[in-house]
Amino acid sequence: MVRYVVTSLLLLGAVTFSRGQFRCPEAKGFFPDPEQCDLYYACVDGKAEEKLCKDGLVFRDDNPKKEFCDLPANVPCGDRTLLQEPQPSKGCPRANGYFKHEDPTACDRFVNCIDGVPQIMPCPPSLIYEDKVSSCVWPADATRLCENVRRDVLDDGFVCPEGDVSGPLGRILPHPTYPHPEDCAKFYICKNGVAPQKGQCEAGTVYSEDSFRCTDPENVPGCEDYYKNKN
């Protein structure tokens, strides 16, 4: 299983309330509310201040010395089943967290919401998003079937090929590149092996599919006269 961690999601939001019913178990530290998983208390000299995680995150109570809110999938809330009212926005059921893509065929995509702003993220090749664990998993470990995964297509028809790509040293490339079929100075980048983007070499260089980078034209068979033909 591959787990993603976004540190910007783990920032805390603080709100002071007036209930004042919580009693500090120790004079100093951070302690969970017994009923609400995203509510906790900062105790100083035995006095408690109520604090609230950002919407979508919950309080991690495994270390009273640390003030830390995390994704619900990473925190066993147990009997602390209550949560604050959601603060949804377009594309985000809650302001923060990982969520299933609205397109049911986009199994290898998920939505990363940070302060109500959604960003579509791809899973690594061959994995699909599993909402229950807020992570990308192998299809055998998922609770849904995704036989026909939709793949992104660029305006010129390019789709990232399936399968791993090994670099010059034999290592699997996390973001493999591919040559353009008609233009020596252009190429494609597949982010995480699945999300296609267009690439352009700097002037005077062309793309080499042997080295996976831009280089001098004389080093690439068939592209030696690329710039001469453009004059």
Protein backbone atom coordinates (compact mmCIF):
# COMPACT_ATOMS: atom_id res chain seq x y z
CA MET A 1 0.00 0.00 0.00
CA VAL A 2 1.25 3.43 -0.85
CA ARG A 3 0.41 6.21 1.51
CA TYR A 4 0.66 9.84 0.75
CA VAL A 5 1.37 12.47 3.40
CA VAL A 6 0.79 16.18 2.74
CA THR A 7 2.43 18.20 5.48
CA SER A 8 0.45 21.33 4.65
CA LEU A 9 -2.71 19.44 5.66
CA LEU A 10 -1.41 18.84 9.16
CA LEU A 11 -1.56 22.45 10.29
CA LEU A 12 -3.77 23.15 13.27
CA GLY A 13 -6.67 25.53 13.66
CA ALA A 14 -7.48 26.86 17.12
CA VAL A 15 -10.87 28.01 18.39
CA THR A 16 -11.79 28.87 21.97
CA PHE A 17 -15.17 27.72 23.29
CA SER A 18 -17.06 28.38 26.47
CA ARG A 19 -18.07 24.92 27.73
CA GLY A 20 -15.22 24.66 30.22
CA GLN A 21 -16.26 21.18 31.40
CA PHE A 22 -13.01 19.37 30.61
CA ARG A 23 -10.65 18.54 33.46
CA CYS A 24 -6.99 18.22 32.63
CA PRO A 25 -5.62 14.75 33.42
CA GLU A 26 -2.18 16.34 33.75
CA ALA A 27 -1.07 19.89 34.42
CA LYS A 28 0.44 20.31 30.98
CA GLY A 29 -0.21 18.68 27.62
CA PHE A 30 -2.71 18.14 24.81
CA PHE A 31 -5.65 15.83 25.42
CA PRO A 32 -8.61 14.58 23.36
CA ASP A 33 -12.25 15.37 23.96
CA PRO A 34 -13.99 12.15 25.07
CA GLU A 35 -16.75 12.46 22.45
CA GLN A 36 -15.56 14.61 19.52
CA CYS A 37 -12.55 13.42 17.53
CA ASP A 38 -11.53 16.78 16.07
CA LEU A 39 -11.84 18.60 19.41
CA TYR A 40 -8.99 18.64 21.94
CA TYR A 41 -7.64 20.62 24.89
CA ALA A 42 -4.40 22.40 25.57
CA CYS A 43 -3.66 22.25 29.30
CA VAL A 44 -1.33 24.75 30.94
CA ASP A 45 -0.98 24.76 34.75
CA GLY A 46 -4.05 22.55 34.92
CA LYS A 47 -6.25 24.96 32.97
CA ALA A 48 -7.81 23.73 29.72
CA GLU A 49 -8.31 25.66 26.49
CA GLU A 50 -10.60 24.07 23.90
CA LYS A 51 -9.10 23.83 20.42
CA LEU A 52 -10.41 22.50 17.14
CA CYS A 53 -8.60 20.83 14.25
CA LYS A 54 -9.13 22.21 10.77
CA ASP A 55 -12.25 20.83 9.15
CA GLY A 56 -11.53 17.34 7.80
CA LEU A 57 -8.72 16.55 10.23
CA VAL A 58 -8.91 14.91 13.66
CA PHE A 59 -6.79 15.06 16.79
CA ARG A 60 -4.07 12.46 17.20
CA ASP A 61 -4.02 11.52 20.89
CA ASP A 62 -1.11 9.07 21.08
CA ASN A 63 1.34 11.60 22.57
CA PRO A 64 0.09 14.27 25.03
CA LYS A 65 3.24 16.31 24.44
CA LYS A 66 2.39 16.88 20.76
CA GLU A 67 -0.34 19.07 19.28
CA PHE A 68 -1.07 17.25 16.05
CA CYS A 69 -4.10 16.90 13.76
CA ASP A 70 -4.06 14.22 11.06
CA LEU A 71 -6.19 12.52 8.42
CA PRO A 72 -9.03 10.42 9.90
CA ALA A 73 -7.62 7.28 8.23
CA ASN A 74 -4.49 7.65 10.36
CA VAL A 75 -6.26 8.14 13.70
CA PRO A 76 -8.29 5.47 15.59
CA CYS A 77 -11.00 7.70 17.04
CA GLY A 78 -12.79 4.83 18.82
CA ASP A 79 -15.76 6.18 20.76
CA ARG A 80 -14.95 9.75 19.77
CA THR A 81 -17.42 9.64 16.91
CA LEU A 82 -18.62 13.25 16.83
CA LEU A 83 -17.14 15.79 14.39
CA GLN A 84 -17.62 19.46 13.68
CA GLU A 85 -20.05 20.53 10.99
CA PRO A 86 -18.50 20.14 7.49
CA GLN A 87 -17.30 23.23 5.63
CA PRO A 88 -17.74 21.97 2.05
CA SER A 89 -16.74 23.77 -1.14
CA LYS A 90 -16.92 22.82 -4.79
CA GLY A 91 -15.04 19.54 -5.16
CA CYS A 92 -14.38 19.20 -1.40
CA PRO A 93 -16.82 17.45 0.98
CA ARG A 94 -14.74 18.91 3.81
CA ALA A 95 -12.16 21.67 3.75
CA ASN A 96 -9.19 19.32 4.21
CA GLY A 97 -8.42 15.71 3.39
CA TYR A 98 -8.28 13.15 0.60
CA PHE A 99 -11.51 12.25 -1.19
CA LYS A 100 -12.72 10.01 -3.99
CA HIS A 101 -12.86 11.55 -7.46
CA GLU A 102 -16.39 12.44 -8.57
CA ASP A 103 -15.91 10.48 -11.81
CA PRO A 104 -16.44 6.80 -10.90
CA THR A 105 -14.21 5.71 -13.80
CA ALA A 106 -11.29 7.82 -12.51
CA CYS A 107 -10.24 5.15 -10.01
CA ASP A 108 -6.57 6.12 -10.24
CA ARG A 109 -7.29 9.75 -9.25
CA PHE A 110 -8.24 11.35 -5.96
CA VAL A 111 -8.93 14.86 -4.68
CA ASN A 112 -6.55 16.51 -2.23
CA CYS A 113 -8.40 19.35 -0.46
CA ILE A 114 -6.41 21.99 1.40
CA ASP A 115 -8.41 24.76 3.05
CA GLY A 116 -11.29 24.10 0.68
CA VAL A 117 -9.21 24.18 -2.51
CA PRO A 118 -9.30 20.88 -4.45
CA GLN A 119 -6.39 19.48 -6.43
CA ILE A 120 -6.69 16.35 -8.57
CA MET A 121 -3.87 13.92 -7.79
CA PRO A 122 -2.85 10.73 -9.66
CA CYS A 123 -2.09 7.42 -7.99
CA PRO A 124 1.16 5.66 -8.89
CA PRO A 125 0.91 3.27 -11.86
CA SER A 126 -1.31 0.20 -11.33
CA LEU A 127 -2.80 1.53 -8.07
CA ILE A 128 -6.30 2.87 -7.41
CA TYR A 129 -7.63 5.17 -4.72
CA GLU A 130 -9.31 3.59 -1.69
CA ASP A 131 -11.50 6.03 0.23
CA LYS A 132 -11.57 3.99 3.44
CA VAL A 133 -7.83 4.35 4.01
CA SER A 134 -7.33 7.68 2.19
CA SER A 135 -4.61 6.06 0.13
CA CYS A 136 -3.75 4.46 -3.19
CA VAL A 137 -3.76 0.67 -2.98
CA TRP A 138 -3.40 -2.39 -5.22
CA PRO A 139 -6.70 -3.33 -6.91
CA ALA A 140 -6.83 -6.57 -4.90
CA ASP A 141 -6.90 -4.51 -1.68
CA ALA A 142 -9.62 -2.11 -2.85
CA THR A 143 -13.31 -2.30 -2.01
CA ARG A 144 -14.43 -1.30 -5.53
CA LEU A 145 -13.88 -2.77 -8.96
CA CYS A 146 -12.25 -0.56 -11.58
CA GLU A 147 -11.82 -2.59 -14.74
CA ASN A 148 -11.97 0.31 -17.19
CA VAL A 149 -9.83 3.05 -15.69
CA ARG A 150 -10.11 6.28 -17.63
CA ARG A 151 -6.74 7.66 -18.70
CA ASP A 152 -6.08 11.32 -19.46
CA VAL A 153 -5.67 12.19 -23.15
CA LEU A 154 -3.86 15.29 -24.44
CA ASP A 155 -5.35 17.38 -27.25
CA ASP A 156 -3.03 15.67 -29.77
CA GLY A 157 -4.19 12.21 -28.68
CA PHE A 158 -1.20 11.21 -26.51
CA VAL A 159 -1.96 8.83 -23.63
CA CYS A 160 0.65 7.63 -21.14
CA PRO A 161 1.60 4.03 -21.98
CA GLU A 162 1.00 1.41 -19.32
CA GLY A 163 3.89 -0.30 -17.59
CA ASP A 164 7.12 0.80 -15.90
CA VAL A 165 9.96 2.53 -17.76
CA SER A 166 13.59 1.88 -16.80
CA GLY A 167 16.11 4.70 -17.01
CA PRO A 168 19.74 4.53 -18.21
CA LEU A 169 20.88 2.97 -14.90
CA GLY A 170 18.06 0.44 -14.82
CA ARG A 171 16.00 2.29 -12.23
CA ILE A 172 12.26 2.71 -12.70
CA LEU A 173 11.50 6.30 -13.72
CA PRO A 174 8.79 7.87 -11.52
CA HIS A 175 7.95 10.43 -14.24
CA PRO A 176 8.92 8.81 -17.56
CA THR A 177 9.30 10.82 -20.76
CA TYR A 178 8.50 9.88 -24.35
CA PRO A 179 9.49 11.35 -27.74
CA HIS A 180 7.09 13.32 -29.90
CA PRO A 181 6.33 11.36 -33.08
CA GLU A 182 6.87 14.31 -35.43
CA ASP A 183 8.94 17.00 -33.67
CA CYS A 184 12.48 16.31 -32.43
CA ALA A 185 12.42 19.18 -29.93
CA LYS A 186 9.17 18.13 -28.25
CA PHE A 187 8.46 15.29 -25.85
CA TYR A 188 5.90 14.09 -23.32
CA ILE A 189 6.17 13.75 -19.55
CA CYS A 190 3.99 11.26 -17.65
CA LYS A 191 3.68 12.44 -14.05
CA ASN A 192 3.62 9.40 -11.77
CA GLY A 193 3.42 7.38 -14.98
CA VAL A 194 -0.23 8.30 -15.65
CA ALA A 195 -0.75 12.08 -16.02
CA PRO A 196 0.49 13.33 -19.44
CA GLN A 197 2.07 16.74 -20.01
CA LYS A 198 3.82 18.32 -22.97
CA GLY A 199 7.53 19.11 -22.85
CA GLN A 200 9.78 21.34 -24.99
CA CYS A 201 13.56 21.22 -25.30
CA GLU A 202 15.60 24.40 -25.06
CA ALA A 203 16.58 26.03 -28.35
CA GLY A 204 19.44 24.20 -30.06
CA THR A 205 18.70 20.84 -28.44
CA VAL A 206 16.44 17.88 -29.26
CA TYR A 207 14.96 15.07 -27.20
CA SER A 208 16.81 11.77 -26.93
CA GLU A 209 14.75 8.71 -26.02
CA ASP A 210 17.98 6.86 -25.20
CA SER A 211 19.06 9.26 -22.44
CA PHE A 212 15.55 10.59 -21.58
CA ARG A 213 16.75 14.18 -21.86
CA CYS A 214 17.42 16.97 -24.34
CA THR A 215 20.82 16.93 -26.00
CA ASP A 216 22.72 18.12 -29.10
CA PRO A 217 21.05 17.17 -32.40
CA GLU A 218 24.11 15.24 -33.64
CA ASN A 219 23.62 12.79 -30.76
CA VAL A 220 20.13 11.78 -31.93
CA PRO A 221 19.85 9.79 -35.17
CA GLY A 222 17.31 11.35 -37.50
CA CYS A 223 17.39 14.72 -35.78
CA GLU A 224 20.87 15.88 -36.84
CA ASP A 225 19.48 18.47 -39.28
CA TYR A 226 16.47 19.52 -37.22
CA TYR A 227 17.52 23.15 -36.79
CA LYS A 228 19.14 23.37 -40.23
CA ASN A 229 15.81 22.46 -41.84
CA LYS A 230 14.07 25.22 -39.90
CA ASN A 231 16.31 27.97 -41.35
